[in-house]
Amino acid sequence: MWDDQFEDIMRRYVPFLDADEPLDPDAGLRDLGLDSMGIIEMMGALEATYHVRFLDDMLNLHTFATARTLWLSVSKMVETVS
């Protein structure tokens, strides 16, 4: 569904996910330990990695609800830049 870079970034900011546990695309990121500071830091990592910028209307709980919703947002931004 997503690339290894995205998976690596996600795992850095969800402390309740064990290293050997698969990242469920539909698991709530807050349930996995993502907090508001983690969201900000994760955004920076995603922007730097994918050379994209989160627009103001994307800065909401829906975008960061699950790995799936976040990847869909990131992949759309990447398509727009390409």
N, C-alpha and C. Protein backbone atom coordinates (compact mmCIF):
# COMPACT_ATOMS: atom_id res chain seq x y z
N MET A 1 0.83 -1.19 0.00
CA MET A 1 0.00 0.00 0.00
C MET A 1 0.88 1.26 0.00
N TRP A 2 1.90 1.29 0.83
CA TRP A 2 2.79 2.45 0.89
C TRP A 2 4.22 1.98 0.78
N ASP A 3 5.15 2.94 0.66
CA ASP A 3 6.55 2.55 0.50
C ASP A 3 7.26 2.43 1.85
N ASP A 4 8.49 1.92 1.79
CA ASP A 4 9.25 1.67 3.02
C ASP A 4 9.57 2.95 3.78
N GLN A 5 9.79 4.04 3.07
CA GLN A 5 10.09 5.31 3.74
C GLN A 5 8.92 5.74 4.62
N PHE A 6 7.71 5.63 4.09
CA PHE A 6 6.52 6.00 4.85
C PHE A 6 6.40 5.12 6.09
N GLU A 7 6.59 3.83 5.90
CA GLU A 7 6.52 2.88 7.03
C GLU A 7 7.53 3.26 8.11
N ASP A 8 8.75 3.57 7.70
CA ASP A 8 9.80 3.95 8.66
C ASP A 8 9.43 5.21 9.43
N ILE A 9 8.91 6.20 8.72
CA ILE A 9 8.50 7.45 9.38
C ILE A 9 7.37 7.16 10.36
N MET A 10 6.38 6.41 9.92
CA MET A 10 5.24 6.11 10.80
C MET A 10 5.72 5.45 12.10
N ARG A 11 6.58 4.47 11.97
CA ARG A 11 7.05 3.71 13.14
C ARG A 11 7.81 4.58 14.13
N ARG A 12 8.44 5.63 13.66
CA ARG A 12 9.16 6.54 14.57
C ARG A 12 8.22 7.27 15.51
N TYR A 13 6.98 7.48 15.09
CA TYR A 13 6.07 8.35 15.85
C TYR A 13 4.89 7.61 16.49
N VAL A 14 4.85 6.29 16.39
CA VAL A 14 3.79 5.52 17.05
C VAL A 14 4.42 4.55 18.04
N PRO A 15 4.70 5.02 19.24
CA PRO A 15 5.47 4.24 20.22
C PRO A 15 4.77 2.98 20.74
N PHE A 16 3.46 2.89 20.57
CA PHE A 16 2.76 1.72 21.10
C PHE A 16 2.72 0.57 20.10
N LEU A 17 3.38 0.74 18.95
CA LEU A 17 3.44 -0.33 17.95
C LEU A 17 4.77 -1.05 18.11
N ASP A 18 4.71 -2.34 18.42
CA ASP A 18 5.93 -3.13 18.59
C ASP A 18 6.66 -3.24 17.26
N ALA A 19 7.99 -3.35 17.32
CA ALA A 19 8.83 -3.41 16.12
C ALA A 19 8.47 -4.58 15.21
N ASP A 20 8.04 -5.70 15.79
CA ASP A 20 7.71 -6.87 14.98
C ASP A 20 6.23 -6.94 14.60
N GLU A 21 5.46 -5.96 15.04
CA GLU A 21 4.02 -5.93 14.76
C GLU A 21 3.76 -5.18 13.45
N PRO A 22 2.93 -5.73 12.57
CA PRO A 22 2.63 -5.02 11.33
C PRO A 22 1.81 -3.76 11.61
N LEU A 23 2.01 -2.76 10.78
CA LEU A 23 1.26 -1.51 10.90
C LEU A 23 -0.07 -1.68 10.19
N ASP A 24 -1.13 -1.75 10.95
CA ASP A 24 -2.49 -1.90 10.41
C ASP A 24 -2.88 -0.57 9.76
N PRO A 25 -3.23 -0.58 8.47
CA PRO A 25 -3.58 0.67 7.79
C PRO A 25 -4.74 1.42 8.42
N ASP A 26 -5.62 0.69 9.12
CA ASP A 26 -6.82 1.31 9.68
C ASP A 26 -6.80 1.48 11.19
N ALA A 27 -5.65 1.19 11.81
CA ALA A 27 -5.54 1.40 13.26
C ALA A 27 -5.45 2.90 13.54
N GLY A 28 -6.11 3.34 14.58
CA GLY A 28 -6.07 4.74 14.97
C GLY A 28 -4.65 5.14 15.41
N LEU A 29 -4.11 6.16 14.80
CA LEU A 29 -2.75 6.58 15.14
C LEU A 29 -2.66 7.10 16.57
N ARG A 30 -3.71 7.71 17.07
CA ARG A 30 -3.71 8.14 18.47
C ARG A 30 -3.65 6.94 19.40
N ASP A 31 -4.35 5.87 19.02
CA ASP A 31 -4.33 4.63 19.82
C ASP A 31 -2.93 4.01 19.83
N LEU A 32 -2.15 4.30 18.78
CA LEU A 32 -0.78 3.78 18.69
C LEU A 32 0.23 4.73 19.33
N GLY A 33 -0.27 5.82 19.95
CA GLY A 33 0.61 6.71 20.70
C GLY A 33 1.00 8.00 20.01
N LEU A 34 0.45 8.27 18.83
CA LEU A 34 0.76 9.53 18.15
C LEU A 34 0.09 10.68 18.88
N ASP A 35 0.89 11.65 19.32
CA ASP A 35 0.34 12.82 20.00
C ASP A 35 0.56 14.06 19.13
N SER A 36 0.13 15.23 19.63
CA SER A 36 0.19 16.45 18.83
C SER A 36 1.62 16.83 18.44
N MET A 37 2.57 16.66 19.34
CA MET A 37 3.97 16.94 18.99
C MET A 37 4.46 15.95 17.95
N GLY A 38 4.05 14.71 18.08
CA GLY A 38 4.41 13.69 17.10
C GLY A 38 3.87 14.01 15.72
N ILE A 39 2.64 14.54 15.68
CA ILE A 39 2.04 14.93 14.40
C ILE A 39 2.89 16.00 13.74
N ILE A 40 3.29 17.00 14.49
CA ILE A 40 4.10 18.09 13.94
C ILE A 40 5.44 17.57 13.44
N GLU A 41 6.08 16.74 14.24
CA GLU A 41 7.38 16.19 13.84
C GLU A 41 7.22 15.25 12.64
N MET A 42 6.16 14.45 12.63
CA MET A 42 5.91 13.54 11.52
C MET A 42 5.66 14.33 10.23
N MET A 43 4.89 15.40 10.34
CA MET A 43 4.64 16.24 9.17
C MET A 43 5.95 16.74 8.57
N GLY A 44 6.84 17.22 9.41
CA GLY A 44 8.13 17.70 8.94
C GLY A 44 8.92 16.61 8.24
N ALA A 45 8.91 15.42 8.81
CA ALA A 45 9.63 14.28 8.21
C ALA A 45 9.01 13.90 6.86
N LEU A 46 7.69 13.88 6.80
CA LEU A 46 7.02 13.55 5.54
C LEU A 46 7.27 14.61 4.48
N GLU A 47 7.19 15.88 4.87
CA GLU A 47 7.45 16.96 3.92
C GLU A 47 8.87 16.90 3.38
N ALA A 48 9.83 16.64 4.25
CA ALA A 48 11.23 16.57 3.81
C ALA A 48 11.48 15.35 2.93
N THR A 49 10.90 14.24 3.28
CA THR A 49 11.12 13.00 2.53
C THR A 49 10.48 13.04 1.15
N TYR A 50 9.25 13.53 1.08
CA TYR A 50 8.48 13.48 -0.17
C TYR A 50 8.47 14.81 -0.92
N HIS A 51 9.13 15.83 -0.37
CA HIS A 51 9.21 17.15 -1.01
C HIS A 51 7.82 17.70 -1.30
N VAL A 52 6.99 17.67 -0.27
CA VAL A 52 5.62 18.17 -0.35
C VAL A 52 5.39 19.13 0.81
N ARG A 53 4.24 19.77 0.80
CA ARG A 53 3.87 20.69 1.87
C ARG A 53 2.41 20.44 2.23
N PHE A 54 2.14 20.19 3.51
CA PHE A 54 0.76 20.05 3.96
C PHE A 54 0.08 21.41 3.93
N LEU A 55 -1.04 21.48 3.23
CA LEU A 55 -1.81 22.72 3.18
C LEU A 55 -2.67 22.84 4.44
N ASP A 56 -3.08 24.06 4.75
CA ASP A 56 -3.85 24.29 5.96
C ASP A 56 -5.10 23.42 6.06
N ASP A 57 -5.79 23.21 4.93
CA ASP A 57 -7.03 22.42 4.99
C ASP A 57 -6.77 20.93 5.22
N MET A 58 -5.52 20.52 5.18
CA MET A 58 -5.17 19.12 5.46
C MET A 58 -4.80 18.91 6.92
N LEU A 59 -4.65 19.98 7.65
CA LEU A 59 -4.23 19.89 9.05
C LEU A 59 -5.45 19.66 9.94
N ASN A 60 -5.92 18.43 9.92
CA ASN A 60 -7.09 18.07 10.71
C ASN A 60 -6.95 16.63 11.21
N LEU A 61 -7.83 16.25 12.09
CA LEU A 61 -7.75 14.92 12.69
C LEU A 61 -8.01 13.81 11.68
N HIS A 62 -8.80 14.08 10.65
CA HIS A 62 -9.07 13.05 9.65
C HIS A 62 -7.79 12.66 8.90
N THR A 63 -7.00 13.63 8.49
CA THR A 63 -5.77 13.35 7.75
C THR A 63 -4.86 12.44 8.56
N PHE A 64 -4.78 12.66 9.85
CA PHE A 64 -3.87 11.93 10.72
C PHE A 64 -4.58 10.84 11.54
N ALA A 65 -5.75 10.41 11.09
CA ALA A 65 -6.52 9.42 11.85
C ALA A 65 -5.90 8.03 11.78
N THR A 66 -5.49 7.62 10.60
CA THR A 66 -4.92 6.28 10.40
C THR A 66 -3.75 6.38 9.41
N ALA A 67 -2.97 5.33 9.33
CA ALA A 67 -1.89 5.30 8.35
C ALA A 67 -2.46 5.38 6.94
N ARG A 68 -3.61 4.76 6.71
CA ARG A 68 -4.24 4.79 5.39
C ARG A 68 -4.63 6.22 5.00
N THR A 69 -5.31 6.93 5.89
CA THR A 69 -5.75 8.29 5.54
C THR A 69 -4.54 9.21 5.33
N LEU A 70 -3.51 9.01 6.12
CA LEU A 70 -2.31 9.84 5.97
C LEU A 70 -1.60 9.52 4.67
N TRP A 71 -1.46 8.23 4.34
CA TRP A 71 -0.80 7.85 3.09
C TRP A 71 -1.58 8.37 1.88
N LEU A 72 -2.91 8.30 1.93
CA LEU A 72 -3.71 8.82 0.82
C LEU A 72 -3.44 10.32 0.62
N SER A 73 -3.32 11.05 1.70
CA SER A 73 -3.02 12.48 1.60
C SER A 73 -1.62 12.73 1.04
N VAL A 74 -0.65 11.99 1.56
CA VAL A 74 0.74 12.16 1.10
C VAL A 74 0.85 11.76 -0.38
N SER A 75 0.25 10.64 -0.75
CA SER A 75 0.38 10.18 -2.14
C SER A 75 -0.29 11.16 -3.11
N LYS A 76 -1.39 11.78 -2.71
CA LYS A 76 -2.03 12.79 -3.57
C LYS A 76 -1.11 14.00 -3.75
N MET A 77 -0.46 14.41 -2.66
CA MET A 77 0.47 15.54 -2.77
C MET A 77 1.64 15.20 -3.67
N VAL A 78 2.15 13.98 -3.56
CA VAL A 78 3.28 13.56 -4.40
C VAL A 78 2.87 13.55 -5.86
N GLU A 79 1.67 13.07 -6.17
CA GLU A 79 1.17 13.07 -7.55
C GLU A 79 1.08 14.49 -8.10
N THR A 80 0.65 15.42 -7.27
CA THR A 80 0.52 16.81 -7.69
C THR A 80 1.87 17.43 -8.01
N VAL A 81 2.88 17.08 -7.22
CA VAL A 81 4.23 17.62 -7.41
C VAL A 81 4.90 17.01 -8.64
N SER A 82 4.61 15.74 -8.90
CA SER A 82 5.28 15.02 -10.01
C SER A 82 4.88 15.52 -11.37
